[in-house]
Amino acid sequence: MTELAIENARRVVFTRQEAAFWANTGGGALNGLLKRAVQTGEIVRYRRGLYGLSPKFARHQVHPFALAQYLYGPSYISLECALAHHGWIPEAVYSITCAALKRSRSFSTPLGLFSFARIPQNVFFAGVRQETTSDGCVFLVATPLKALVDYVYVHRPFWSSLKSVRESLRIEDHEWQTLEASQVDELEGVYREGVVVEFLENVR
């Protein structure tokens, strides 16, 4: 199974269906091949039906942000994780926090804990940008403002003003000064919840 994955895998992860096609088998025989490869540490199991080559055999290691979209999609990196990624909050983030269209879920993987919060939106990928790592891993991440809006939707914090936001999350004033009205425009109408609409008005 490992040799087949090395030869055929075009991405940093592969599915059980792809493995079945490579091995031209399924059912118990395929399960046995995958199980042995996982037990020997040659293949990593990220969740049911999703695998990847171990660092020893992979051309490059999958980035946790890229893995998130394969684990549960459509989704994008957001909330605390995106804010830390952009340097807006000083705290270390110990799980990968994401926004998703489907129901909220979490996954414990060899690369850490991934948390997906369901955030209904009229335009799901508004305020979301694509980034690429030096190894060529592609992932979707919320802009700082989009990540903040998602944070407001999920946690419903009691913030009486933007000063409360700055103090609660310890966001420096110079970060706010990088925002432009066009970024607020992009997110207007995306969320229907009053708490989010009020927050965007305060930001404007």
C-alpha atoms as a PDB file:
ATOM      1  CA  MET A   1       0.000   0.000   0.000  1.00  0.00           C
ATOM      2  CA  THR A   2       2.837   2.371   0.835  1.00  0.00           C
ATOM      3  CA  GLU A   3       4.528   1.763  -2.516  1.00  0.00           C
ATOM      4  CA  LEU A   4       1.248   2.401  -4.338  1.00  0.00           C
ATOM      5  CA  ALA A   5       0.697   5.654  -2.423  1.00  0.00           C
ATOM      6  CA  ILE A   6       4.243   6.857  -3.156  1.00  0.00           C
ATOM      7  CA  GLU A   7       3.744   6.121  -6.844  1.00  0.00           C
ATOM      8  CA  ASN A   8       0.218   7.458  -7.297  1.00  0.00           C
ATOM      9  CA  ALA A   9      -0.570  10.089  -4.655  1.00  0.00           C
ATOM     10  CA  ARG A  10      -0.707  13.518  -6.251  1.00  0.00           C
ATOM     11  CA  ARG A  11      -1.623  15.345  -3.041  1.00  0.00           C
ATOM     12  CA  VAL A  12      -0.377  15.317   0.525  1.00  0.00           C
ATOM     13  CA  VAL A  13      -3.405  13.211   1.509  1.00  0.00           C
ATOM     14  CA  PHE A  14      -5.430  10.473  -0.181  1.00  0.00           C
ATOM     15  CA  THR A  15      -8.785   8.823   0.397  1.00  0.00           C
ATOM     16  CA  ARG A  16      -9.772   5.206   0.902  1.00  0.00           C
ATOM     17  CA  GLN A  17     -11.474   5.302  -2.504  1.00  0.00           C
ATOM     18  CA  GLU A  18      -8.216   6.343  -4.160  1.00  0.00           C
ATOM     19  CA  ALA A  19      -6.342   3.561  -2.373  1.00  0.00           C
ATOM     20  CA  ALA A  20      -8.949   1.047  -3.570  1.00  0.00           C
ATOM     21  CA  PHE A  21      -8.424   2.183  -7.156  1.00  0.00           C
ATOM     22  CA  TRP A  22      -4.613   1.916  -6.890  1.00  0.00           C
ATOM     23  CA  ALA A  23      -4.713  -1.541  -5.283  1.00  0.00           C
ATOM     24  CA  ASN A  24      -7.634  -2.769  -7.434  1.00  0.00           C
ATOM     25  CA  THR A  25      -9.267  -4.220  -4.349  1.00  0.00           C
ATOM     26  CA  GLY A  26     -11.685  -3.289  -1.600  1.00  0.00           C
ATOM     27  CA  GLY A  27     -13.472  -4.564   1.477  1.00  0.00           C
ATOM     28  CA  GLY A  28     -11.479  -6.543   4.012  1.00  0.00           C
ATOM     29  CA  ALA A  29      -8.442  -6.908   1.769  1.00  0.00           C
ATOM     30  CA  LEU A  30      -8.083  -3.142   1.414  1.00  0.00           C
ATOM     31  CA  ASN A  31      -8.698  -2.606   5.117  1.00  0.00           C
ATOM     32  CA  GLY A  32      -5.896  -5.067   5.863  1.00  0.00           C
ATOM     33  CA  LEU A  33      -3.450  -3.263   3.556  1.00  0.00           C
ATOM     34  CA  LEU A  34      -4.223   0.115   5.083  1.00  0.00           C
ATOM     35  CA  LYS A  35      -4.187  -1.174   8.647  1.00  0.00           C
ATOM     36  CA  ARG A  36      -0.743  -2.767   8.248  1.00  0.00           C
ATOM     37  CA  ALA A  37       0.684   0.381   6.661  1.00  0.00           C
ATOM     38  CA  VAL A  38      -0.690   2.488   9.523  1.00  0.00           C
ATOM     39  CA  GLN A  39       0.622   0.082  12.170  1.00  0.00           C
ATOM     40  CA  THR A  40       4.141   0.176  10.693  1.00  0.00           C
ATOM     41  CA  GLY A  41       4.074   3.967  10.643  1.00  0.00           C
ATOM     42  CA  GLU A  42       4.385   4.204   6.863  1.00  0.00           C
ATOM     43  CA  ILE A  43       0.946   5.732   6.408  1.00  0.00           C
ATOM     44  CA  VAL A  44      -0.860   8.157   8.725  1.00  0.00           C
ATOM     45  CA  ARG A  45      -4.603   7.910   9.332  1.00  0.00           C
ATOM     46  CA  TYR A  46      -6.097  11.378   9.830  1.00  0.00           C
ATOM     47  CA  ARG A  47      -9.720  10.313  10.087  1.00  0.00           C
ATOM     48  CA  ARG A  48     -11.932   7.541   8.768  1.00  0.00           C
ATOM     49  CA  GLY A  49     -11.238   7.245   5.043  1.00  0.00           C
ATOM     50  CA  LEU A  50      -8.482   9.891   4.917  1.00  0.00           C
ATOM     51  CA  TYR A  51      -4.780   9.042   4.918  1.00  0.00           C
ATOM     52  CA  GLY A  52      -1.359  10.426   4.120  1.00  0.00           C
ATOM     53  CA  LEU A  53       2.193   9.193   3.777  1.00  0.00           C
ATOM     54  CA  SER A  54       4.350   9.475   6.886  1.00  0.00           C
ATOM     55  CA  PRO A  55       7.107  12.125   6.860  1.00  0.00           C
ATOM     56  CA  LYS A  56       9.623   9.365   6.068  1.00  0.00           C
ATOM     57  CA  PHE A  57       7.995   8.708   2.678  1.00  0.00           C
ATOM     58  CA  ALA A  58       6.177  11.947   1.818  1.00  0.00           C
ATOM     59  CA  ARG A  59       7.734  14.513  -0.491  1.00  0.00           C
ATOM     60  CA  HIS A  60       6.738  17.113   2.064  1.00  0.00           C
ATOM     61  CA  GLN A  61       4.667  17.137   5.231  1.00  0.00           C
ATOM     62  CA  VAL A  62       1.049  18.255   5.026  1.00  0.00           C
ATOM     63  CA  HIS A  63       0.473  21.662   6.621  1.00  0.00           C
ATOM     64  CA  PRO A  64      -2.230  21.554   9.336  1.00  0.00           C
ATOM     65  CA  PHE A  65      -4.091  24.424   7.646  1.00  0.00           C
ATOM     66  CA  ALA A  66      -4.191  22.500   4.358  1.00  0.00           C
ATOM     67  CA  LEU A  67      -5.286  19.316   6.128  1.00  0.00           C
ATOM     68  CA  ALA A  68      -8.294  21.120   7.607  1.00  0.00           C
ATOM     69  CA  GLN A  69     -10.021  21.459   4.250  1.00  0.00           C
ATOM     70  CA  TYR A  70      -9.584  17.734   3.558  1.00  0.00           C
ATOM     71  CA  LEU A  71     -10.835  16.747   7.003  1.00  0.00           C
ATOM     72  CA  TYR A  72     -14.131  18.602   6.761  1.00  0.00           C
ATOM     73  CA  GLY A  73     -15.282  20.843   3.965  1.00  0.00           C
ATOM     74  CA  PRO A  74     -16.221  23.248   2.726  1.00  0.00           C
ATOM     75  CA  SER A  75     -14.340  25.091   5.435  1.00  0.00           C
ATOM     76  CA  TYR A  76     -11.633  27.665   6.038  1.00  0.00           C
ATOM     77  CA  ILE A  77      -9.241  28.594   8.847  1.00  0.00           C
ATOM     78  CA  SER A  78     -10.868  31.231  11.061  1.00  0.00           C
ATOM     79  CA  LEU A  79     -11.521  32.509  14.599  1.00  0.00           C
ATOM     80  CA  GLU A  80      -8.541  32.430  16.995  1.00  0.00           C
ATOM     81  CA  CYS A  81      -6.369  30.397  14.639  1.00  0.00           C
ATOM     82  CA  ALA A  82      -6.691  32.882  11.775  1.00  0.00           C
ATOM     83  CA  LEU A  83      -6.170  35.847  14.115  1.00  0.00           C
ATOM     84  CA  ALA A  84      -2.967  34.268  15.434  1.00  0.00           C
ATOM     85  CA  HIS A  85      -1.857  33.435  11.889  1.00  0.00           C
ATOM     86  CA  HIS A  86      -2.191  37.094  10.902  1.00  0.00           C
ATOM     87  CA  GLY A  87      -0.417  38.223  14.072  1.00  0.00           C
ATOM     88  CA  TRP A  88      -3.479  39.982  15.493  1.00  0.00           C
ATOM     89  CA  ILE A  89      -3.500  38.155  18.837  1.00  0.00           C
ATOM     90  CA  PRO A  90      -0.425  37.258  20.900  1.00  0.00           C
ATOM     91  CA  GLU A  91      -1.704  34.026  22.430  1.00  0.00           C
ATOM     92  CA  ALA A  92      -0.581  30.639  21.165  1.00  0.00           C
ATOM     93  CA  VAL A  93      -3.441  28.625  19.656  1.00  0.00           C
ATOM     94  CA  TYR A  94      -3.460  24.951  20.550  1.00  0.00           C
ATOM     95  CA  SER A  95      -6.124  23.777  18.111  1.00  0.00           C
ATOM     96  CA  ILE A  96      -6.940  24.546  14.497  1.00  0.00           C
ATOM     97  CA  THR A  97     -10.190  26.541  14.544  1.00  0.00           C
ATOM     98  CA  CYS A  98     -12.249  26.626  11.370  1.00  0.00           C
ATOM     99  CA  ALA A  99     -15.589  27.807  10.021  1.00  0.00           C
ATOM    100  CA  ALA A 100     -17.731  25.251   8.193  1.00  0.00           C
ATOM    101  CA  LEU A 101     -21.075  25.134   6.398  1.00  0.00           C
ATOM    102  CA  LYS A 102     -22.035  21.776   7.880  1.00  0.00           C
ATOM    103  CA  ARG A 103     -22.703  20.974  11.537  1.00  0.00           C
ATOM    104  CA  SER A 104     -20.023  21.701  14.115  1.00  0.00           C
ATOM    105  CA  ARG A 105     -17.508  18.902  14.630  1.00  0.00           C
ATOM    106  CA  SER A 106     -14.038  18.255  15.962  1.00  0.00           C
ATOM    107  CA  PHE A 107     -11.328  15.784  14.966  1.00  0.00           C
ATOM    108  CA  SER A 108      -8.324  14.585  16.924  1.00  0.00           C
ATOM    109  CA  THR A 109      -5.507  13.787  14.476  1.00  0.00           C
ATOM    110  CA  PRO A 110      -1.760  13.099  14.605  1.00  0.00           C
ATOM    111  CA  LEU A 111      -1.320  16.784  13.711  1.00  0.00           C
ATOM    112  CA  GLY A 112      -3.477  17.998  16.592  1.00  0.00           C
ATOM    113  CA  LEU A 113      -7.067  18.937  17.347  1.00  0.00           C
ATOM    114  CA  PHE A 114      -9.224  20.462  14.617  1.00  0.00           C
ATOM    115  CA  SER A 115     -12.415  22.275  15.587  1.00  0.00           C
ATOM    116  CA  PHE A 116     -15.081  23.221  13.022  1.00  0.00           C
ATOM    117  CA  ALA A 117     -17.845  25.666  13.956  1.00  0.00           C
ATOM    118  CA  ARG A 118     -20.962  25.853  11.804  1.00  0.00           C
ATOM    119  CA  ILE A 119     -21.387  29.445  10.661  1.00  0.00           C
ATOM    120  CA  PRO A 120     -24.294  29.966   8.227  1.00  0.00           C
ATOM    121  CA  GLN A 121     -23.497  32.699   5.709  1.00  0.00           C
ATOM    122  CA  ASN A 122     -25.071  34.015   2.528  1.00  0.00           C
ATOM    123  CA  VAL A 123     -21.641  34.154   0.867  1.00  0.00           C
ATOM    124  CA  PHE A 124     -19.499  31.580   2.646  1.00  0.00           C
ATOM    125  CA  PHE A 125     -16.119  32.532   1.208  1.00  0.00           C
ATOM    126  CA  ALA A 126     -16.498  36.322   1.417  1.00  0.00           C
ATOM    127  CA  GLY A 127     -13.496  37.639   3.303  1.00  0.00           C
ATOM    128  CA  VAL A 128     -11.556  34.409   2.733  1.00  0.00           C
ATOM    129  CA  ARG A 129      -8.230  34.276   0.927  1.00  0.00           C
ATOM    130  CA  GLN A 130      -6.103  31.477  -0.513  1.00  0.00           C
ATOM    131  CA  GLU A 131      -2.527  31.093   0.683  1.00  0.00           C
ATOM    132  CA  THR A 132       0.262  28.703  -0.304  1.00  0.00           C
ATOM    133  CA  THR A 133       3.058  27.406   1.929  1.00  0.00           C
ATOM    134  CA  SER A 134       6.677  27.144   0.828  1.00  0.00           C
ATOM    135  CA  ASP A 135       6.065  23.406   0.276  1.00  0.00           C
ATOM    136  CA  GLY A 136       3.173  24.088  -2.065  1.00  0.00           C
ATOM    137  CA  CYS A 137       0.336  23.290   0.356  1.00  0.00           C
ATOM    138  CA  VAL A 138      -2.714  25.421  -0.413  1.00  0.00           C
ATOM    139  CA  PHE A 139      -5.206  26.471   2.246  1.00  0.00           C
ATOM    140  CA  LEU A 140      -8.085  28.911   2.760  1.00  0.00           C
ATOM    141  CA  VAL A 141      -7.922  31.415   5.618  1.00  0.00           C
ATOM    142  CA  ALA A 142     -10.190  34.208   6.810  1.00  0.00           C
ATOM    143  CA  THR A 143      -8.951  37.782   6.744  1.00  0.00           C
ATOM    144  CA  PRO A 144      -8.516  39.286  10.226  1.00  0.00           C
ATOM    145  CA  LEU A 145     -11.873  41.043  10.043  1.00  0.00           C
ATOM    146  CA  LYS A 146     -13.688  37.931   8.807  1.00  0.00           C
ATOM    147  CA  ALA A 147     -12.065  35.901  11.610  1.00  0.00           C
ATOM    148  CA  LEU A 148     -13.263  38.474  14.148  1.00  0.00           C
ATOM    149  CA  VAL A 149     -16.789  38.394  12.760  1.00  0.00           C
ATOM    150  CA  ASP A 150     -16.834  34.599  12.949  1.00  0.00           C
ATOM    151  CA  TYR A 151     -15.558  34.869  16.539  1.00  0.00           C
ATOM    152  CA  VAL A 152     -18.461  37.177  17.376  1.00  0.00           C
ATOM    153  CA  TYR A 153     -20.956  34.783  15.786  1.00  0.00           C
ATOM    154  CA  VAL A 154     -19.634  31.716  17.642  1.00  0.00           C
ATOM    155  CA  HIS A 155     -18.810  33.118  21.088  1.00  0.00           C
ATOM    156  CA  ARG A 156     -21.321  36.011  21.390  1.00  0.00           C
ATOM    157  CA  PRO A 157     -18.936  38.054  23.598  1.00  0.00           C
ATOM    158  CA  PHE A 158     -20.305  41.015  25.519  1.00  0.00           C
ATOM    159  CA  TRP A 159     -18.363  43.827  23.890  1.00  0.00           C
ATOM    160  CA  SER A 160     -19.797  47.291  24.510  1.00  0.00           C
ATOM    161  CA  SER A 161     -17.305  48.964  22.181  1.00  0.00           C
ATOM    162  CA  LEU A 162     -14.265  48.288  20.013  1.00  0.00           C
ATOM    163  CA  LYS A 163     -12.171  49.184  23.053  1.00  0.00           C
ATOM    164  CA  SER A 164     -13.663  46.105  24.729  1.00  0.00           C
ATOM    165  CA  VAL A 165     -12.634  44.009  21.727  1.00  0.00           C
ATOM    166  CA  ARG A 166      -9.072  45.298  21.866  1.00  0.00           C
ATOM    167  CA  GLU A 167      -8.802  44.647  25.582  1.00  0.00           C
ATOM    168  CA  SER A 168     -10.462  41.215  25.452  1.00  0.00           C
ATOM    169  CA  LEU A 169      -8.306  39.818  22.649  1.00  0.00           C
ATOM    170  CA  ARG A 170      -5.302  42.115  23.255  1.00  0.00           C
ATOM    171  CA  ILE A 171      -5.314  43.438  19.697  1.00  0.00           C
ATOM    172  CA  GLU A 172      -2.900  46.301  19.158  1.00  0.00           C
ATOM    173  CA  ASP A 173      -4.237  49.613  17.802  1.00  0.00           C
ATOM    174  CA  HIS A 174      -1.948  49.501  14.761  1.00  0.00           C
ATOM    175  CA  GLU A 175      -3.693  46.310  13.581  1.00  0.00           C
ATOM    176  CA  TRP A 176      -7.067  48.086  13.480  1.00  0.00           C
ATOM    177  CA  GLN A 177      -5.504  50.857  11.445  1.00  0.00           C
ATOM    178  CA  THR A 178      -4.799  48.385   8.619  1.00  0.00           C
ATOM    179  CA  LEU A 179      -8.538  47.871   8.019  1.00  0.00           C
ATOM    180  CA  GLU A 180     -10.321  49.646   5.186  1.00  0.00           C
ATOM    181  CA  ALA A 181     -13.993  50.397   4.589  1.00  0.00           C
ATOM    182  CA  SER A 182     -13.972  48.068   1.576  1.00  0.00           C
ATOM    183  CA  GLN A 183     -13.341  45.119   3.905  1.00  0.00           C
ATOM    184  CA  VAL A 184     -16.480  45.976   5.854  1.00  0.00           C
ATOM    185  CA  ASP A 185     -18.363  46.383   2.570  1.00  0.00           C
ATOM    186  CA  GLU A 186     -17.326  42.860   1.545  1.00  0.00           C
ATOM    187  CA  LEU A 187     -18.890  41.353   4.664  1.00  0.00           C
ATOM    188  CA  GLU A 188     -22.087  43.396   4.847  1.00  0.00           C
ATOM    189  CA  GLY A 189     -25.118  41.253   4.103  1.00  0.00           C
ATOM    190  CA  VAL A 190     -23.151  38.026   4.564  1.00  0.00           C
ATOM    191  CA  TYR A 191     -24.465  37.501   8.114  1.00  0.00           C
ATOM    192  CA  ARG A 192     -28.045  38.053   9.298  1.00  0.00           C
ATOM    193  CA  GLU A 193     -27.419  37.890  13.057  1.00  0.00           C
ATOM    194  CA  GLY A 194     -27.924  41.219  14.814  1.00  0.00           C
ATOM    195  CA  VAL A 195     -24.826  40.852  16.996  1.00  0.00           C
ATOM    196  CA  VAL A 196     -22.650  40.497  13.885  1.00  0.00           C
ATOM    197  CA  VAL A 197     -24.348  43.358  12.033  1.00  0.00           C
ATOM    198  CA  GLU A 198     -23.861  45.633  15.056  1.00  0.00           C
ATOM    199  CA  PHE A 199     -20.207  44.645  15.334  1.00  0.00           C
ATOM    200  CA  LEU A 200     -19.551  45.488  11.670  1.00  0.00           C
ATOM    201  CA  GLU A 201     -21.281  48.844  12.122  1.00  0.00           C
ATOM    202  CA  ASN A 202     -19.018  49.593  15.077  1.00  0.00           C
ATOM    203  CA  VAL A 203     -15.963  48.624  13.034  1.00  0.00           C
ATOM    204  CA  ARG A 204     -17.026  50.962  10.232  1.00  0.00           C
END
